[in-house]
Amino acid sequence: MRIALTPGERHELTQIRPLLDDLPVRCLIADRAYDSDGLIAWLERRGVEVVIPPRSTSPQRPISWLLYRLRNVVERAFCRLKQFRRVATRYDKTSSSYSAFVHLAAATLWL
């Protein structure tokens, strides 16, 4: 598991390339918020199957809705992480202490 913190006003899309850069990814399943032409082109150049539904304003492209249904596994993992009150509310003042607790909570769930 990799975690990258972003400021509250920034979109997570800014961190996806550094997170995936050296991972052997074969398929990326994400929601419509990640429908970016630059990201999709970058992933396709790497040979990654992109399972991101297009926004209503974007050109329509075929996706595997069967694979897209697996996205709920990740959504449920985030919901379990947010059961730790400290993760959900982010009371920590520094990003390093918040990140450390998120890693600890993820390890606890994993065990």
C-alpha atoms as a PDB file:
ATOM      1  CA  MET A   1       0.000   0.000   0.000  1.00  0.00           C
ATOM      2  CA  ARG A   2       1.259   3.447  -0.888  1.00  0.00           C
ATOM      3  CA  ILE A   3      -0.066   6.623   0.629  1.00  0.00           C
ATOM      4  CA  ALA A   4       0.561  10.192  -0.494  1.00  0.00           C
ATOM      5  CA  LEU A   5      -0.934  13.151   1.321  1.00  0.00           C
ATOM      6  CA  THR A   6      -2.120  16.192  -0.580  1.00  0.00           C
ATOM      7  CA  PRO A   7      -3.263  19.566   0.728  1.00  0.00           C
ATOM      8  CA  GLY A   8      -7.017  19.739   1.224  1.00  0.00           C
ATOM      9  CA  GLU A   9      -7.583  21.960  -1.808  1.00  0.00           C
ATOM     10  CA  ARG A  10      -5.542  19.793  -4.227  1.00  0.00           C
ATOM     11  CA  HIS A  11      -6.912  16.910  -6.266  1.00  0.00           C
ATOM     12  CA  GLU A  12      -5.408  13.455  -5.790  1.00  0.00           C
ATOM     13  CA  LEU A  13      -4.778  13.325  -9.536  1.00  0.00           C
ATOM     14  CA  THR A  14      -1.579  15.300  -8.960  1.00  0.00           C
ATOM     15  CA  GLN A  15      -0.066  12.369  -7.033  1.00  0.00           C
ATOM     16  CA  ILE A  16      -1.113   9.379  -9.126  1.00  0.00           C
ATOM     17  CA  ARG A  17       1.908   9.359 -11.443  1.00  0.00           C
ATOM     18  CA  PRO A  18       4.518   9.343  -8.650  1.00  0.00           C
ATOM     19  CA  LEU A  19       2.558   6.601  -6.856  1.00  0.00           C
ATOM     20  CA  LEU A  20       2.319   4.365  -9.933  1.00  0.00           C
ATOM     21  CA  ASP A  21       5.639   5.249 -11.560  1.00  0.00           C
ATOM     22  CA  ASP A  22       7.674   2.168 -10.583  1.00  0.00           C
ATOM     23  CA  LEU A  23       4.841  -0.283  -9.877  1.00  0.00           C
ATOM     24  CA  PRO A  24       4.049  -3.093 -12.342  1.00  0.00           C
ATOM     25  CA  VAL A  25       0.417  -2.075 -12.897  1.00  0.00           C
ATOM     26  CA  ARG A  26      -1.696  -3.994 -15.419  1.00  0.00           C
ATOM     27  CA  CYS A  27      -5.075  -2.410 -14.747  1.00  0.00           C
ATOM     28  CA  LEU A  28      -6.196   0.843 -13.119  1.00  0.00           C
ATOM     29  CA  ILE A  29      -9.760   1.052 -11.849  1.00  0.00           C
ATOM     30  CA  ALA A  30     -10.874   4.523 -10.777  1.00  0.00           C
ATOM     31  CA  ASP A  31     -13.967   6.696 -10.686  1.00  0.00           C
ATOM     32  CA  ARG A  32     -14.924   9.529 -13.027  1.00  0.00           C
ATOM     33  CA  ALA A  33     -12.820  12.059 -11.116  1.00  0.00           C
ATOM     34  CA  TYR A  34      -9.727  10.486 -12.700  1.00  0.00           C
ATOM     35  CA  ASP A  35     -11.009  10.884 -16.276  1.00  0.00           C
ATOM     36  CA  SER A  36      -8.085  12.957 -17.523  1.00  0.00           C
ATOM     37  CA  ASP A  37      -6.808  12.768 -21.086  1.00  0.00           C
ATOM     38  CA  GLY A  38      -3.205  13.152 -19.912  1.00  0.00           C
ATOM     39  CA  LEU A  39      -3.491  10.394 -17.302  1.00  0.00           C
ATOM     40  CA  ILE A  40      -5.253   7.985 -19.656  1.00  0.00           C
ATOM     41  CA  ALA A  41      -2.684   8.579 -22.423  1.00  0.00           C
ATOM     42  CA  TRP A  42       0.178   8.058 -19.935  1.00  0.00           C
ATOM     43  CA  LEU A  43      -1.341   4.804 -18.678  1.00  0.00           C
ATOM     44  CA  GLU A  44      -2.029   3.494 -22.181  1.00  0.00           C
ATOM     45  CA  ARG A  45       1.582   4.212 -23.202  1.00  0.00           C
ATOM     46  CA  ARG A  46       2.638   2.034 -20.257  1.00  0.00           C
ATOM     47  CA  GLY A  47       0.320  -0.769 -21.432  1.00  0.00           C
ATOM     48  CA  VAL A  48      -2.101  -0.400 -18.520  1.00  0.00           C
ATOM     49  CA  GLU A  49      -5.752  -1.289 -19.037  1.00  0.00           C
ATOM     50  CA  VAL A  50      -7.749   1.793 -18.048  1.00  0.00           C
ATOM     51  CA  VAL A  51     -11.116   1.197 -16.377  1.00  0.00           C
ATOM     52  CA  ILE A  52     -12.318   4.745 -15.769  1.00  0.00           C
ATOM     53  CA  PRO A  53     -15.838   5.684 -16.864  1.00  0.00           C
ATOM     54  CA  PRO A  54     -15.841   8.812 -19.016  1.00  0.00           C
ATOM     55  CA  ARG A  55     -17.523  11.963 -17.747  1.00  0.00           C
ATOM     56  CA  SER A  56     -20.614  13.072 -19.590  1.00  0.00           C
ATOM     57  CA  THR A  57     -18.620  15.923 -21.206  1.00  0.00           C
ATOM     58  CA  SER A  58     -15.768  13.638 -22.366  1.00  0.00           C
ATOM     59  CA  PRO A  59     -15.702  11.509 -25.511  1.00  0.00           C
ATOM     60  CA  GLN A  60     -17.249   8.150 -24.726  1.00  0.00           C
ATOM     61  CA  ARG A  61     -14.929   5.141 -24.698  1.00  0.00           C
ATOM     62  CA  PRO A  62     -15.655   1.515 -23.911  1.00  0.00           C
ATOM     63  CA  ILE A  63     -14.769   0.205 -20.453  1.00  0.00           C
ATOM     64  CA  SER A  64     -15.216  -3.125 -18.715  1.00  0.00           C
ATOM     65  CA  TRP A  65     -18.088  -2.611 -16.304  1.00  0.00           C
ATOM     66  CA  LEU A  66     -17.359  -6.064 -14.879  1.00  0.00           C
ATOM     67  CA  LEU A  67     -13.893  -4.901 -13.776  1.00  0.00           C
ATOM     68  CA  TYR A  68     -15.277  -1.545 -12.626  1.00  0.00           C
ATOM     69  CA  ARG A  69     -17.433  -3.352 -10.081  1.00  0.00           C
ATOM     70  CA  LEU A  70     -14.218  -4.360  -8.265  1.00  0.00           C
ATOM     71  CA  ARG A  71     -13.665  -0.716  -7.313  1.00  0.00           C
ATOM     72  CA  ASN A  72     -15.948  -1.219  -4.324  1.00  0.00           C
ATOM     73  CA  VAL A  73     -13.202  -3.311  -2.671  1.00  0.00           C
ATOM     74  CA  VAL A  74     -11.038  -0.193  -2.461  1.00  0.00           C
ATOM     75  CA  GLU A  75     -13.981   1.949  -1.368  1.00  0.00           C
ATOM     76  CA  ARG A  76     -14.714  -0.484   1.462  1.00  0.00           C
ATOM     77  CA  ALA A  77     -11.041  -0.379   2.524  1.00  0.00           C
ATOM     78  CA  PHE A  78     -11.234   3.429   2.794  1.00  0.00           C
ATOM     79  CA  CYS A  79     -14.434   3.138   4.816  1.00  0.00           C
ATOM     80  CA  ARG A  80     -12.720   0.738   7.220  1.00  0.00           C
ATOM     81  CA  LEU A  81      -9.772   3.130   7.534  1.00  0.00           C
ATOM     82  CA  LYS A  82     -12.155   5.962   8.346  1.00  0.00           C
ATOM     83  CA  GLN A  83     -13.548   3.943  11.245  1.00  0.00           C
ATOM     84  CA  PHE A  84     -10.403   5.084  13.035  1.00  0.00           C
ATOM     85  CA  ARG A  85     -11.605   8.471  14.251  1.00  0.00           C
ATOM     86  CA  ARG A  86      -8.145   9.978  13.979  1.00  0.00           C
ATOM     87  CA  VAL A  87      -8.006   9.139  10.264  1.00  0.00           C
ATOM     88  CA  ALA A  88     -11.483  10.450   9.500  1.00  0.00           C
ATOM     89  CA  THR A  89     -11.134  13.754  11.336  1.00  0.00           C
ATOM     90  CA  ARG A  90      -7.437  14.491  10.809  1.00  0.00           C
ATOM     91  CA  TYR A  91      -6.744  16.092  14.156  1.00  0.00           C
ATOM     92  CA  ASP A  92      -2.975  15.730  13.709  1.00  0.00           C
ATOM     93  CA  LYS A  93      -1.205  19.011  13.054  1.00  0.00           C
ATOM     94  CA  THR A  94       1.644  17.658  10.913  1.00  0.00           C
ATOM     95  CA  SER A  95       1.431  15.547   7.793  1.00  0.00           C
ATOM     96  CA  SER A  96       4.132  13.191   9.104  1.00  0.00           C
ATOM     97  CA  SER A  97       2.171  12.281  12.254  1.00  0.00           C
ATOM     98  CA  TYR A  98      -1.074  11.889  10.263  1.00  0.00           C
ATOM     99  CA  SER A  99       0.675   9.742   7.653  1.00  0.00           C
ATOM    100  CA  ALA A 100       2.215   7.589  10.384  1.00  0.00           C
ATOM    101  CA  PHE A 101      -1.179   6.961  11.935  1.00  0.00           C
ATOM    102  CA  VAL A 102      -2.751   6.134   8.554  1.00  0.00           C
ATOM    103  CA  HIS A 103       0.025   3.570   7.984  1.00  0.00           C
ATOM    104  CA  LEU A 104      -0.530   2.161  11.478  1.00  0.00           C
ATOM    105  CA  ALA A 105      -4.296   1.915  10.932  1.00  0.00           C
ATOM    106  CA  ALA A 106      -3.775   0.243   7.536  1.00  0.00           C
ATOM    107  CA  ALA A 107      -1.344  -2.258   9.056  1.00  0.00           C
ATOM    108  CA  THR A 108      -3.828  -2.989  11.846  1.00  0.00           C
ATOM    109  CA  LEU A 109      -6.564  -3.694   9.309  1.00  0.00           C
ATOM    110  CA  TRP A 110      -4.216  -5.788   7.206  1.00  0.00           C
ATOM    111  CA  LEU A 111      -3.271  -7.976  10.200  1.00  0.00           C
END
